[in-house]
Amino acid sequence: MGTLLIIFEDMRKGFVYIHSTKKRTTLYSGVTNDLARRTGEHVNNPKGFVAQYSVNHCVYFEEIIGPTFMTAIKREKEIKGWSRAKRVALIESKNPHWYCYNHEILGLEGSCPCNTYNPKRSK
C-alpha cells in the first residue's frame, strides 16, 4: 500500500488543449501544466500565432496524468500531427456544438458570450 501511494504522489499532471477561432477556421493545439493560467494568457494577453489569428476559444481539453510532464507533451505532439479532420472529430466527440469552455476554466460566472450554436460555421 505504501508503494502505491509513493507512485501516485510522483505522477505529474498536464493538460492538452485545442483552441479555435470563433468561426472555427483555425485550430491551435497546446500543452500546459495550468489550464486556467494558459487560457487566461490566450484570452487576455495573446501573442504570436494566437494573437494573429484570434485563436482564443477553448473547445477541447484533456487532463493527462503520467510519470512525467513528457506524457502530456507526447500527447500534444500526437494531436498536432493529425489532420484537421481528425482533430475536428476529436473535438466533436466530446463537444459536438463547439462550446467555448473559457468561462468555466477561468472560474467566471455564466457562459462565454461566444457560445451561440451555429451549425453553419465552417468545420
PDB file of N, CA and C in Angstrom:
ATOM      1  N   MET A   1       0.821  -1.191   0.000  1.00  0.00           N
ATOM      2  CA  MET A   1       0.000   0.000   0.000  1.00  0.00           C
ATOM      3  C   MET A   1       0.866   1.256   0.000  1.00  0.00           C
ATOM      4  N   GLY A   2       1.917   1.282   0.806  1.00  0.00           N
ATOM      5  CA  GLY A   2       2.806   2.436   0.843  1.00  0.00           C
ATOM      6  C   GLY A   2       3.470   2.694  -0.489  1.00  0.00           C
ATOM      7  N   THR A   3       3.847   1.651  -1.209  1.00  0.00           N
ATOM      8  CA  THR A   3       4.479   1.811  -2.512  1.00  0.00           C
ATOM      9  C   THR A   3       3.513   2.446  -3.510  1.00  0.00           C
ATOM     10  N   LEU A   4       2.280   2.021  -3.494  1.00  0.00           N
ATOM     11  CA  LEU A   4       1.277   2.587  -4.389  1.00  0.00           C
ATOM     12  C   LEU A   4       1.109   4.079  -4.139  1.00  0.00           C
ATOM     13  N   LEU A   5       1.104   4.476  -2.882  1.00  0.00           N
ATOM     14  CA  LEU A   5       0.975   5.883  -2.529  1.00  0.00           C
ATOM     15  C   LEU A   5       2.157   6.688  -3.067  1.00  0.00           C
ATOM     16  N   ILE A   6       3.349   6.176  -2.954  1.00  0.00           N
ATOM     17  CA  ILE A   6       4.543   6.861  -3.453  1.00  0.00           C
ATOM     18  C   ILE A   6       4.455   7.024  -4.965  1.00  0.00           C
ATOM     19  N   ILE A   7       4.043   5.985  -5.656  1.00  0.00           N
ATOM     20  CA  ILE A   7       3.917   6.072  -7.115  1.00  0.00           C
ATOM     21  C   ILE A   7       2.874   7.138  -7.472  1.00  0.00           C
ATOM     22  N   PHE A   8       1.742   7.155  -6.796  1.00  0.00           N
ATOM     23  CA  PHE A   8       0.687   8.125  -7.075  1.00  0.00           C
ATOM     24  C   PHE A   8       1.187   9.546  -6.841  1.00  0.00           C
ATOM     25  N   GLU A   9       1.922   9.766  -5.763  1.00  0.00           N
ATOM     26  CA  GLU A   9       2.423  11.105  -5.466  1.00  0.00           C
ATOM     27  C   GLU A   9       3.444  11.576  -6.500  1.00  0.00           C
ATOM     28  N   ASP A  10       4.110  10.654  -7.177  1.00  0.00           N
ATOM     29  CA  ASP A  10       5.115  11.017  -8.168  1.00  0.00           C
ATOM     30  C   ASP A  10       4.522  11.315  -9.544  1.00  0.00           C
ATOM     31  N   MET A  11       3.223  11.126  -9.714  1.00  0.00           N
ATOM     32  CA  MET A  11       2.602  11.378 -11.014  1.00  0.00           C
ATOM     33  C   MET A  11       2.533  12.879 -11.278  1.00  0.00           C
ATOM     34  N   ARG A  12       2.643  13.236 -12.535  1.00  0.00           N
ATOM     35  CA  ARG A  12       2.603  14.630 -12.943  1.00  0.00           C
ATOM     36  C   ARG A  12       1.351  14.864 -13.785  1.00  0.00           C
ATOM     37  N   LYS A  13       0.765  16.054 -13.630  1.00  0.00           N
ATOM     38  CA  LYS A  13      -0.464  16.399 -14.340  1.00  0.00           C
ATOM     39  C   LYS A  13      -0.160  17.444 -15.404  1.00  0.00           C
ATOM     40  N   GLY A  14      -0.763  17.268 -16.545  1.00  0.00           N
ATOM     41  CA  GLY A  14      -0.692  18.252 -17.612  1.00  0.00           C
ATOM     42  C   GLY A  14      -2.022  18.292 -18.340  1.00  0.00           C
ATOM     43  N   PHE A  15      -2.174  19.285 -19.169  1.00  0.00           N
ATOM     44  CA  PHE A  15      -3.388  19.421 -19.967  1.00  0.00           C
ATOM     45  C   PHE A  15      -2.999  19.634 -21.423  1.00  0.00           C
ATOM     46  N   VAL A  16      -3.680  18.938 -22.295  1.00  0.00           N
ATOM     47  CA  VAL A  16      -3.579  19.185 -23.724  1.00  0.00           C
ATOM     48  C   VAL A  16      -4.879  19.879 -24.102  1.00  0.00           C
ATOM     49  N   TYR A  17      -4.778  20.931 -24.895  1.00  0.00           N
ATOM     50  CA  TYR A  17      -5.980  21.697 -25.228  1.00  0.00           C
ATOM     51  C   TYR A  17      -5.972  22.063 -26.702  1.00  0.00           C
ATOM     52  N   ILE A  18      -7.163  22.347 -27.198  1.00  0.00           N
ATOM     53  CA  ILE A  18      -7.314  22.868 -28.562  1.00  0.00           C
ATOM     54  C   ILE A  18      -8.158  24.129 -28.463  1.00  0.00           C
ATOM     55  N   HIS A  19      -7.617  25.208 -28.993  1.00  0.00           N
ATOM     56  CA  HIS A  19      -8.348  26.474 -29.082  1.00  0.00           C
ATOM     57  C   HIS A  19      -8.714  26.700 -30.537  1.00  0.00           C
ATOM     58  N   SER A  20      -9.781  27.426 -30.738  1.00  0.00           N
ATOM     59  CA  SER A  20     -10.295  27.690 -32.072  1.00  0.00           C
ATOM     60  C   SER A  20     -10.639  29.169 -32.215  1.00  0.00           C
ATOM     61  N   THR A  21     -10.728  29.613 -33.443  1.00  0.00           N
ATOM     62  CA  THR A  21     -11.295  30.933 -33.697  1.00  0.00           C
ATOM     63  C   THR A  21     -12.810  30.812 -33.526  1.00  0.00           C
ATOM     64  N   LYS A  22     -13.477  31.928 -33.390  1.00  0.00           N
ATOM     65  CA  LYS A  22     -14.926  31.907 -33.205  1.00  0.00           C
ATOM     66  C   LYS A  22     -15.628  31.225 -34.379  1.00  0.00           C
ATOM     67  N   LYS A  23     -15.112  31.420 -35.579  1.00  0.00           N
ATOM     68  CA  LYS A  23     -15.732  30.826 -36.763  1.00  0.00           C
ATOM     69  C   LYS A  23     -15.193  29.435 -37.087  1.00  0.00           C
ATOM     70  N   ARG A  24     -14.337  28.913 -36.214  1.00  0.00           N
ATOM     71  CA  ARG A  24     -13.781  27.555 -36.354  1.00  0.00           C
ATOM     72  C   ARG A  24     -12.854  27.383 -37.550  1.00  0.00           C
ATOM     73  N   THR A  25     -12.326  28.458 -38.061  1.00  0.00           N
ATOM     74  CA  THR A  25     -11.483  28.352 -39.247  1.00  0.00           C
ATOM     75  C   THR A  25     -10.045  27.946 -38.930  1.00  0.00           C
ATOM     76  N   THR A  26      -9.568  28.236 -37.732  1.00  0.00           N
ATOM     77  CA  THR A  26      -8.191  27.937 -37.355  1.00  0.00           C
ATOM     78  C   THR A  26      -8.177  27.245 -35.999  1.00  0.00           C
ATOM     79  N   LEU A  27      -7.338  26.220 -35.879  1.00  0.00           N
ATOM     80  CA  LEU A  27      -7.183  25.492 -34.625  1.00  0.00           C
ATOM     81  C   LEU A  27      -5.763  25.658 -34.108  1.00  0.00           C
ATOM     82  N   TYR A  28      -5.626  25.662 -32.787  1.00  0.00           N
ATOM     83  CA  TYR A  28      -4.320  25.752 -32.136  1.00  0.00           C
ATOM     84  C   TYR A  28      -4.272  24.716 -31.024  1.00  0.00           C
ATOM     85  N   SER A  29      -3.303  23.829 -31.075  1.00  0.00           N
ATOM     86  CA  SER A  29      -3.127  22.816 -30.035  1.00  0.00           C
ATOM     87  C   SER A  29      -1.978  23.216 -29.136  1.00  0.00           C
ATOM     88  N   GLY A  30      -2.138  22.964 -27.833  1.00  0.00           N
ATOM     89  CA  GLY A  30      -1.083  23.301 -26.896  1.00  0.00           C
ATOM     90  C   GLY A  30      -1.074  22.368 -25.705  1.00  0.00           C
ATOM     91  N   VAL A  31      -0.071  22.557 -24.849  1.00  0.00           N
ATOM     92  CA  VAL A  31       0.079  21.760 -23.636  1.00  0.00           C
ATOM     93  C   VAL A  31       0.472  22.700 -22.505  1.00  0.00           C
ATOM     94  N   THR A  32      -0.005  22.424 -21.302  1.00  0.00           N
ATOM     95  CA  THR A  32       0.305  23.266 -20.148  1.00  0.00           C
ATOM     96  C   THR A  32       0.137  22.462 -18.864  1.00  0.00           C
ATOM     97  N   ASN A  33       0.740  22.940 -17.809  1.00  0.00           N
ATOM     98  CA  ASN A  33       0.507  22.326 -16.501  1.00  0.00           C
ATOM     99  C   ASN A  33      -0.553  23.097 -15.712  1.00  0.00           C
ATOM    100  N   ASP A  34      -1.017  24.226 -16.253  1.00  0.00           N
ATOM    101  CA  ASP A  34      -2.018  25.062 -15.582  1.00  0.00           C
ATOM    102  C   ASP A  34      -2.979  25.602 -16.641  1.00  0.00           C
ATOM    103  N   LEU A  35      -4.083  24.900 -16.839  1.00  0.00           N
ATOM    104  CA  LEU A  35      -5.017  25.242 -17.912  1.00  0.00           C
ATOM    105  C   LEU A  35      -5.645  26.618 -17.720  1.00  0.00           C
ATOM    106  N   ALA A  36      -5.985  26.982 -16.484  1.00  0.00           N
ATOM    107  CA  ALA A  36      -6.595  28.294 -16.235  1.00  0.00           C
ATOM    108  C   ALA A  36      -5.614  29.417 -16.571  1.00  0.00           C
ATOM    109  N   ARG A  37      -4.373  29.293 -16.138  1.00  0.00           N
ATOM    110  CA  ARG A  37      -3.376  30.328 -16.427  1.00  0.00           C
ATOM    111  C   ARG A  37      -3.171  30.464 -17.931  1.00  0.00           C
ATOM    112  N   ARG A  38      -3.018  29.327 -18.610  1.00  0.00           N
ATOM    113  CA  ARG A  38      -2.728  29.363 -20.050  1.00  0.00           C
ATOM    114  C   ARG A  38      -3.926  29.903 -20.833  1.00  0.00           C
ATOM    115  N   THR A  39      -5.125  29.512 -20.468  1.00  0.00           N
ATOM    116  CA  THR A  39      -6.315  30.040 -21.147  1.00  0.00           C
ATOM    117  C   THR A  39      -6.415  31.540 -20.932  1.00  0.00           C
ATOM    118  N   GLY A  40      -6.138  31.991 -19.711  1.00  0.00           N
ATOM    119  CA  GLY A  40      -6.133  33.429 -19.428  1.00  0.00           C
ATOM    120  C   GLY A  40      -5.125  34.172 -20.282  1.00  0.00           C
ATOM    121  N   GLU A  41      -3.958  33.584 -20.504  1.00  0.00           N
ATOM    122  CA  GLU A  41      -2.955  34.220 -21.365  1.00  0.00           C
ATOM    123  C   GLU A  41      -3.464  34.322 -22.797  1.00  0.00           C
ATOM    124  N   HIS A  42      -4.094  33.260 -23.289  1.00  0.00           N
ATOM    125  CA  HIS A  42      -4.626  33.281 -24.659  1.00  0.00           C
ATOM    126  C   HIS A  42      -5.724  34.327 -24.813  1.00  0.00           C
ATOM    127  N   VAL A  43      -6.538  34.498 -23.789  1.00  0.00           N
ATOM    128  CA  VAL A  43      -7.674  35.426 -23.860  1.00  0.00           C
ATOM    129  C   VAL A  43      -7.241  36.865 -23.590  1.00  0.00           C
ATOM    130  N   ASN A  44      -6.448  37.078 -22.535  1.00  0.00           N
ATOM    131  CA  ASN A  44      -6.139  38.436 -22.072  1.00  0.00           C
ATOM    132  C   ASN A  44      -4.835  39.023 -22.594  1.00  0.00           C
ATOM    133  N   ASN A  45      -3.911  38.190 -23.001  1.00  0.00           N
ATOM    134  CA  ASN A  45      -2.610  38.685 -23.451  1.00  0.00           C
ATOM    135  C   ASN A  45      -2.066  37.799 -24.574  1.00  0.00           C
ATOM    136  N   PRO A  46      -2.814  37.684 -25.668  1.00  0.00           N
ATOM    137  CA  PRO A  46      -2.380  36.788 -26.747  1.00  0.00           C
ATOM    138  C   PRO A  46      -1.112  37.289 -27.430  1.00  0.00           C
ATOM    139  N   LYS A  47      -0.300  36.334 -27.857  1.00  0.00           N
ATOM    140  CA  LYS A  47       0.945  36.658 -28.556  1.00  0.00           C
ATOM    141  C   LYS A  47       1.107  35.726 -29.753  1.00  0.00           C
ATOM    142  N   GLY A  48       1.902  36.144 -30.698  1.00  0.00           N
ATOM    143  CA  GLY A  48       2.253  35.289 -31.827  1.00  0.00           C
ATOM    144  C   GLY A  48       1.051  34.805 -32.613  1.00  0.00           C
ATOM    145  N   PHE A  49       1.051  33.500 -32.886  1.00  0.00           N
ATOM    146  CA  PHE A  49       0.011  32.865 -33.682  1.00  0.00           C
ATOM    147  C   PHE A  49      -1.380  33.105 -33.089  1.00  0.00           C
ATOM    148  N   VAL A  50      -1.487  32.987 -31.763  1.00  0.00           N
ATOM    149  CA  VAL A  50      -2.785  33.163 -31.092  1.00  0.00           C
ATOM    150  C   VAL A  50      -3.322  34.570 -31.328  1.00  0.00           C
ATOM    151  N   ALA A  51      -2.464  35.571 -31.235  1.00  0.00           N
ATOM    152  CA  ALA A  51      -2.883  36.957 -31.462  1.00  0.00           C
ATOM    153  C   ALA A  51      -3.211  37.201 -32.932  1.00  0.00           C
ATOM    154  N   GLN A  52      -2.362  36.686 -33.802  1.00  0.00           N
ATOM    155  CA  GLN A  52      -2.536  36.916 -35.235  1.00  0.00           C
ATOM    156  C   GLN A  52      -3.866  36.361 -35.751  1.00  0.00           C
ATOM    157  N   TYR A  53      -4.253  35.184 -35.259  1.00  0.00           N
ATOM    158  CA  TYR A  53      -5.456  34.524 -35.771  1.00  0.00           C
ATOM    159  C   TYR A  53      -6.639  34.522 -34.796  1.00  0.00           C
ATOM    160  N   SER A  54      -6.502  35.156 -33.643  1.00  0.00           N
ATOM    161  CA  SER A  54      -7.559  35.198 -32.619  1.00  0.00           C
ATOM    162  C   SER A  54      -8.037  33.797 -32.236  1.00  0.00           C
ATOM    163  N   VAL A  55      -7.076  32.931 -31.987  1.00  0.00           N
ATOM    164  CA  VAL A  55      -7.373  31.539 -31.625  1.00  0.00           C
ATOM    165  C   VAL A  55      -7.443  31.474 -30.103  1.00  0.00           C
ATOM    166  N   ASN A  56      -8.563  31.920 -29.537  1.00  0.00           N
ATOM    167  CA  ASN A  56      -8.635  32.018 -28.079  1.00  0.00           C
ATOM    168  C   ASN A  56      -9.908  31.440 -27.481  1.00  0.00           C
ATOM    169  N   HIS A  57     -10.528  30.505 -28.162  1.00  0.00           N
ATOM    170  CA  HIS A  57     -11.731  29.847 -27.653  1.00  0.00           C
ATOM    171  C   HIS A  57     -11.383  28.384 -27.369  1.00  0.00           C
ATOM    172  N   CYS A  58     -11.343  28.013 -26.105  1.00  0.00           N
ATOM    173  CA  CYS A  58     -11.001  26.638 -25.741  1.00  0.00           C
ATOM    174  C   CYS A  58     -12.199  25.731 -26.023  1.00  0.00           C
ATOM    175  N   VAL A  59     -12.038  24.861 -27.014  1.00  0.00           N
ATOM    176  CA  VAL A  59     -13.139  23.976 -27.405  1.00  0.00           C
ATOM    177  C   VAL A  59     -12.874  22.521 -27.036  1.00  0.00           C
ATOM    178  N   TYR A  60     -11.653  22.225 -26.560  1.00  0.00           N
ATOM    179  CA  TYR A  60     -11.313  20.859 -26.167  1.00  0.00           C
ATOM    180  C   TYR A  60     -10.147  20.900 -25.202  1.00  0.00           C
ATOM    181  N   PHE A  61     -10.200  20.047 -24.191  1.00  0.00           N
ATOM    182  CA  PHE A  61      -9.035  19.838 -23.342  1.00  0.00           C
ATOM    183  C   PHE A  61      -9.131  18.473 -22.692  1.00  0.00           C
ATOM    184  N   GLU A  62      -8.004  17.930 -22.374  1.00  0.00           N
ATOM    185  CA  GLU A  62      -7.964  16.673 -21.642  1.00  0.00           C
ATOM    186  C   GLU A  62      -6.851  16.746 -20.616  1.00  0.00           C
ATOM    187  N   GLU A  63      -7.108  16.160 -19.472  1.00  0.00           N
ATOM    188  CA  GLU A  63      -6.111  16.100 -18.409  1.00  0.00           C
ATOM    189  C   GLU A  63      -5.281  14.841 -18.623  1.00  0.00           C
ATOM    190  N   ILE A  64      -3.971  15.007 -18.592  1.00  0.00           N
ATOM    191  CA  ILE A  64      -3.048  13.897 -18.789  1.00  0.00           C
ATOM    192  C   ILE A  64      -2.277  13.704 -17.495  1.00  0.00           C
ATOM    193  N   ILE A  65      -2.323  12.508 -16.957  1.00  0.00           N
ATOM    194  CA  ILE A  65      -1.551  12.209 -15.745  1.00  0.00           C
ATOM    195  C   ILE A  65      -0.576  11.095 -16.088  1.00  0.00           C
ATOM    196  N   GLY A  66       0.691  11.337 -15.800  1.00  0.00           N
ATOM    197  CA  GLY A  66       1.712  10.348 -16.097  1.00  0.00           C
ATOM    198  C   GLY A  66       2.920  10.541 -15.208  1.00  0.00           C
ATOM    199  N   PRO A  67       3.930   9.712 -15.398  1.00  0.00           N
ATOM    200  CA  PRO A  67       5.108   9.786 -14.535  1.00  0.00           C
ATOM    201  C   PRO A  67       5.901  11.082 -14.702  1.00  0.00           C
ATOM    202  N   THR A  68       5.801  11.703 -15.871  1.00  0.00           N
ATOM    203  CA  THR A  68       6.468  12.990 -16.104  1.00  0.00           C
ATOM    204  C   THR A  68       5.556  13.859 -16.961  1.00  0.00           C
ATOM    205  N   PHE A  69       5.898  15.137 -17.060  1.00  0.00           N
ATOM    206  CA  PHE A  69       5.138  16.057 -17.911  1.00  0.00           C
ATOM    207  C   PHE A  69       5.278  15.670 -19.382  1.00  0.00           C
ATOM    208  N   MET A  70       6.335  14.903 -19.698  1.00  0.00           N
ATOM    209  CA  MET A  70       6.543  14.453 -21.077  1.00  0.00           C
ATOM    210  C   MET A  70       5.353  13.647 -21.600  1.00  0.00           C
ATOM    211  N   THR A  71       4.614  13.009 -20.715  1.00  0.00           N
ATOM    212  CA  THR A  71       3.426  12.259 -21.131  1.00  0.00           C
ATOM    213  C   THR A  71       2.438  13.198 -21.826  1.00  0.00           C
ATOM    214  N   ALA A  72       2.226  14.377 -21.249  1.00  0.00           N
ATOM    215  CA  ALA A  72       1.324  15.369 -21.849  1.00  0.00           C
ATOM    216  C   ALA A  72       1.918  15.935 -23.135  1.00  0.00           C
ATOM    217  N   ILE A  73       3.227  16.181 -23.141  1.00  0.00           N
ATOM    218  CA  ILE A  73       3.883  16.715 -24.340  1.00  0.00           C
ATOM    219  C   ILE A  73       3.772  15.729 -25.498  1.00  0.00           C
ATOM    220  N   LYS A  74       3.945  14.455 -25.217  1.00  0.00           N
ATOM    221  CA  LYS A  74       3.813  13.430 -26.271  1.00  0.00           C
ATOM    222  C   LYS A  74       2.405  13.416 -26.844  1.00  0.00           C
ATOM    223  N   ARG A  75       1.404  13.551 -25.975  1.00  0.00           N
ATOM    224  CA  ARG A  75       0.014  13.570 -26.452  1.00  0.00           C
ATOM    225  C   ARG A  75      -0.243  14.805 -27.319  1.00  0.00           C
ATOM    226  N   GLU A  76       0.294  15.952 -26.906  1.00  0.00           N
ATOM    227  CA  GLU A  76       0.129  17.167 -27.704  1.00  0.00           C
ATOM    228  C   GLU A  76       0.769  16.986 -29.079  1.00  0.00           C
ATOM    229  N   LYS A  77       1.964  16.437 -29.130  1.00  0.00           N
ATOM    230  CA  LYS A  77       2.647  16.226 -30.417  1.00  0.00           C
ATOM    231  C   LYS A  77       1.873  15.249 -31.296  1.00  0.00           C
ATOM    232  N   GLU A  78       1.269  14.241 -30.665  1.00  0.00           N
ATOM    233  CA  GLU A  78       0.450  13.293 -31.412  1.00  0.00           C
ATOM    234  C   GLU A  78      -0.714  14.028 -32.084  1.00  0.00           C
ATOM    235  N   ILE A  79      -1.433  14.845 -31.305  1.00  0.00           N
ATOM    236  CA  ILE A  79      -2.585  15.582 -31.838  1.00  0.00           C
ATOM    237  C   ILE A  79      -2.150  16.585 -32.899  1.00  0.00           C
ATOM    238  N   LYS A  80      -1.040  17.282 -32.678  1.00  0.00           N
ATOM    239  CA  LYS A  80      -0.550  18.257 -33.669  1.00  0.00           C
ATOM    240  C   LYS A  80      -0.222  17.590 -35.003  1.00  0.00           C
ATOM    241  N   GLY A  81       0.147  16.317 -34.958  1.00  0.00           N
ATOM    242  CA  GLY A  81       0.481  15.596 -36.181  1.00  0.00           C
ATOM    243  C   GLY A  81      -0.720  15.096 -36.958  1.00  0.00           C
ATOM    244  N   TRP A  82      -1.890  15.194 -36.361  1.00  0.00           N
ATOM    245  CA  TRP A  82      -3.105  14.726 -37.017  1.00  0.00           C
ATOM    246  C   TRP A  82      -3.577  15.699 -38.091  1.00  0.00           C
ATOM    247  N   SER A  83      -4.379  15.181 -38.994  1.00  0.00           N
ATOM    248  CA  SER A  83      -5.036  16.043 -39.977  1.00  0.00           C
ATOM    249  C   SER A  83      -6.075  16.903 -39.264  1.00  0.00           C
ATOM    250  N   ARG A  84      -6.473  17.965 -39.922  1.00  0.00           N
ATOM    251  CA  ARG A  84      -7.527  18.814 -39.353  1.00  0.00           C
ATOM    252  C   ARG A  84      -8.793  17.998 -39.124  1.00  0.00           C
ATOM    253  N   ALA A  85      -9.138  17.140 -40.066  1.00  0.00           N
ATOM    254  CA  ALA A  85     -10.356  16.333 -39.949  1.00  0.00           C
ATOM    255  C   ALA A  85     -10.324  15.462 -38.694  1.00  0.00           C
ATOM    256  N   LYS A  86      -9.186  14.905 -38.388  1.00  0.00           N
ATOM    257  CA  LYS A  86      -9.077  14.057 -37.199  1.00  0.00           C
ATOM    258  C   LYS A  86      -9.165  14.887 -35.917  1.00  0.00           C
ATOM    259  N   ARG A  87      -8.588  16.096 -35.922  1.00  0.00           N
ATOM    260  CA  ARG A  87      -8.701  16.975 -34.749  1.00  0.00           C
ATOM    261  C   ARG A  87     -10.145  17.443 -34.563  1.00  0.00           C
ATOM    262  N   VAL A  88     -10.830  17.750 -35.653  1.00  0.00           N
ATOM    263  CA  VAL A  88     -12.245  18.140 -35.579  1.00  0.00           C
ATOM    264  C   VAL A  88     -13.071  16.986 -35.015  1.00  0.00           C
ATOM    265  N   ALA A  89     -12.783  15.764 -35.459  1.00  0.00           N
ATOM    266  CA  ALA A  89     -13.503  14.593 -34.939  1.00  0.00           C
ATOM    267  C   ALA A  89     -13.259  14.426 -33.438  1.00  0.00           C
ATOM    268  N   LEU A  90     -12.035  14.685 -32.982  1.00  0.00           N
ATOM    269  CA  LEU A  90     -11.728  14.609 -31.555  1.00  0.00           C
ATOM    270  C   LEU A  90     -12.537  15.646 -30.779  1.00  0.00           C
ATOM    271  N   ILE A  91     -12.543  16.875 -31.268  1.00  0.00           N
ATOM    272  CA  ILE A  91     -13.315  17.942 -30.615  1.00  0.00           C
ATOM    273  C   ILE A  91     -14.783  17.545 -30.548  1.00  0.00           C
ATOM    274  N   GLU A  92     -15.333  17.133 -31.672  1.00  0.00           N
ATOM    275  CA  GLU A  92     -16.768  16.846 -31.748  1.00  0.00           C
ATOM    276  C   GLU A  92     -17.167  15.581 -30.994  1.00  0.00           C
ATOM    277  N   SER A  93     -16.199  14.710 -30.702  1.00  0.00           N
ATOM    278  CA  SER A  93     -16.518  13.520 -29.910  1.00  0.00           C
ATOM    279  C   SER A  93     -16.864  13.899 -28.468  1.00  0.00           C
ATOM    280  N   LYS A  94     -16.336  15.007 -27.982  1.00  0.00           N
ATOM    281  CA  LYS A  94     -16.595  15.475 -26.619  1.00  0.00           C
ATOM    282  C   LYS A  94     -17.415  16.756 -26.585  1.00  0.00           C
ATOM    283  N   ASN A  95     -17.414  17.500 -27.688  1.00  0.00           N
ATOM    284  CA  ASN A  95     -18.014  18.831 -27.708  1.00  0.00           C
ATOM    285  C   ASN A  95     -18.654  19.076 -29.080  1.00  0.00           C
ATOM    286  N   PRO A  96     -19.768  18.391 -29.383  1.00  0.00           N
ATOM    287  CA  PRO A  96     -20.344  18.450 -30.729  1.00  0.00           C
ATOM    288  C   PRO A  96     -20.777  19.834 -31.193  1.00  0.00           C
ATOM    289  N   HIS A  97     -21.074  20.742 -30.264  1.00  0.00           N
ATOM    290  CA  HIS A  97     -21.516  22.086 -30.639  1.00  0.00           C
ATOM    291  C   HIS A  97     -20.401  23.120 -30.521  1.00  0.00           C
ATOM    292  N   TRP A  98     -19.174  22.666 -30.287  1.00  0.00           N
ATOM    293  CA  TRP A  98     -18.011  23.547 -30.179  1.00  0.00           C
ATOM    294  C   TRP A  98     -18.221  24.616 -29.098  1.00  0.00           C
ATOM    295  N   TYR A  99     -18.753  24.198 -27.999  1.00  0.00           N
ATOM    296  CA  TYR A  99     -18.942  25.076 -26.844  1.00  0.00           C
ATOM    297  C   TYR A  99     -17.585  25.617 -26.393  1.00  0.00           C
ATOM    298  N   CYS A 100     -17.506  26.892 -26.075  1.00  0.00           N
ATOM    299  CA  CYS A 100     -16.269  27.507 -25.591  1.00  0.00           C
ATOM    300  C   CYS A 100     -16.210  27.368 -24.068  1.00  0.00           C
ATOM    301  N   TYR A 101     -15.164  26.737 -23.568  1.00  0.00           N
ATOM    302  CA  TYR A 101     -15.029  26.464 -22.135  1.00  0.00           C
ATOM    303  C   TYR A 101     -14.293  27.558 -21.360  1.00  0.00           C
ATOM    304  N   ASN A 102     -13.988  28.675 -21.981  1.00  0.00           N
ATOM    305  CA  ASN A 102     -13.181  29.707 -21.314  1.00  0.00           C
ATOM    306  C   ASN A 102     -13.737  30.130 -19.961  1.00  0.00           C
ATOM    307  N   HIS A 103     -15.027  30.421 -19.879  1.00  0.00           N
ATOM    308  CA  HIS A 103     -15.606  30.894 -18.620  1.00  0.00           C
ATOM    309  C   HIS A 103     -15.471  29.849 -17.513  1.00  0.00           C
ATOM    310  N   GLU A 104     -15.724  28.603 -17.837  1.00  0.00           N
ATOM    311  CA  GLU A 104     -15.609  27.544 -16.834  1.00  0.00           C
ATOM    312  C   GLU A 104     -14.160  27.381 -16.375  1.00  0.00           C
ATOM    313  N   ILE A 105     -13.243  27.385 -17.318  1.00  0.00           N
ATOM    314  CA  ILE A 105     -11.824  27.214 -16.997  1.00  0.00           C
ATOM    315  C   ILE A 105     -11.324  28.374 -16.141  1.00  0.00           C
ATOM    316  N   LEU A 106     -11.752  29.587 -16.471  1.00  0.00           N
ATOM    317  CA  LEU A 106     -11.284  30.775 -15.756  1.00  0.00           C
ATOM    318  C   LEU A 106     -12.089  31.058 -14.486  1.00  0.00           C
ATOM    319  N   GLY A 107     -13.097  30.249 -14.208  1.00  0.00           N
ATOM    320  CA  GLY A 107     -13.883  30.423 -12.997  1.00  0.00           C
ATOM    321  C   GLY A 107     -14.829  31.609 -13.043  1.00  0.00           C
ATOM    322  N   LEU A 108     -15.259  31.992 -14.239  1.00  0.00           N
ATOM    323  CA  LEU A 108     -16.188  33.114 -14.399  1.00  0.00           C
ATOM    324  C   LEU A 108     -17.619  32.600 -14.402  1.00  0.00           C
ATOM    325  N   GLU A 109     -18.543  33.433 -13.984  1.00  0.00           N
ATOM    326  CA  GLU A 109     -19.942  33.020 -13.953  1.00  0.00           C
ATOM    327  C   GLU A 109     -20.548  33.074 -15.348  1.00  0.00           C
ATOM    328  N   GLY A 110     -21.536  32.239 -15.546  1.00  0.00           N
ATOM    329  CA  GLY A 110     -22.263  32.237 -16.802  1.00  0.00           C
ATOM    330  C   GLY A 110     -21.500  31.549 -17.912  1.00  0.00           C
ATOM    331  N   SER A 111     -22.028  31.693 -19.085  1.00  0.00           N
ATOM    332  CA  SER A 111     -21.453  31.079 -20.271  1.00  0.00           C
ATOM    333  C   SER A 111     -20.667  32.115 -21.054  1.00  0.00           C
ATOM    334  N   CYS A 112     -19.662  31.668 -21.756  1.00  0.00           N
ATOM    335  CA  CYS A 112     -18.876  32.559 -22.610  1.00  0.00           C
ATOM    336  C   CYS A 112     -19.815  33.176 -23.654  1.00  0.00           C
ATOM    337  N   PRO A 113     -19.708  34.477 -23.912  1.00  0.00           N
ATOM    338  CA  PRO A 113     -20.615  35.132 -24.873  1.00  0.00           C
ATOM    339  C   PRO A 113     -20.554  34.539 -26.279  1.00  0.00           C
ATOM    340  N   CYS A 114     -19.475  33.858 -26.607  1.00  0.00           N
ATOM    341  CA  CYS A 114     -19.365  33.295 -27.960  1.00  0.00           C
ATOM    342  C   CYS A 114     -20.158  32.002 -28.110  1.00  0.00           C
ATOM    343  N   ASN A 115     -20.790  31.529 -27.046  1.00  0.00           N
ATOM    344  CA  ASN A 115     -21.496  30.248 -27.099  1.00  0.00           C
ATOM    345  C   ASN A 115     -22.904  30.368 -27.655  1.00  0.00           C
ATOM    346  N   THR A 116     -22.964  30.721 -28.900  1.00  0.00           N
ATOM    347  CA  THR A 116     -24.228  30.687 -29.620  1.00  0.00           C
ATOM    348  C   THR A 116     -24.050  29.656 -30.708  1.00  0.00           C
ATOM    349  N   TYR A 117     -24.739  28.549 -30.588  1.00  0.00           N
ATOM    350  CA  TYR A 117     -24.552  27.430 -31.517  1.00  0.00           C
ATOM    351  C   TYR A 117     -24.960  27.833 -32.931  1.00  0.00           C
ATOM    352  N   ASN A 118     -24.058  27.616 -33.863  1.00  0.00           N
ATOM    353  CA  ASN A 118     -24.317  27.903 -35.263  1.00  0.00           C
ATOM    354  C   ASN A 118     -23.741  26.759 -36.099  1.00  0.00           C
ATOM    355  N   PRO A 119     -24.574  25.815 -36.500  1.00  0.00           N
ATOM    356  CA  PRO A 119     -24.068  24.654 -37.242  1.00  0.00           C
ATOM    357  C   PRO A 119     -23.496  25.002 -38.603  1.00  0.00           C
ATOM    358  N   LYS A 120     -23.718  26.211 -39.089  1.00  0.00           N
ATOM    359  CA  LYS A 120     -23.216  26.589 -40.404  1.00  0.00           C
ATOM    360  C   LYS A 120     -21.782  27.078 -40.370  1.00  0.00           C
ATOM    361  N   ARG A 121     -21.212  27.274 -39.183  1.00  0.00           N
ATOM    362  CA  ARG A 121     -19.806  27.668 -39.114  1.00  0.00           C
ATOM    363  C   ARG A 121     -18.967  26.584 -39.749  1.00  0.00           C
ATOM    364  N   SER A 122     -17.846  26.994 -40.304  1.00  0.00           N
ATOM    365  CA  SER A 122     -17.018  26.038 -41.040  1.00  0.00           C
ATOM    366  C   SER A 122     -16.465  24.963 -40.116  1.00  0.00           C
ATOM    367  N   LYS A 123     -16.284  23.794 -40.652  1.00  0.00           N
ATOM    368  CA  LYS A 123     -15.675  22.686 -39.939  1.00  0.00           C
ATOM    369  C   LYS A 123     -14.408  22.385 -40.655  1.00  0.00           C
TER     370      LYS A 123
END
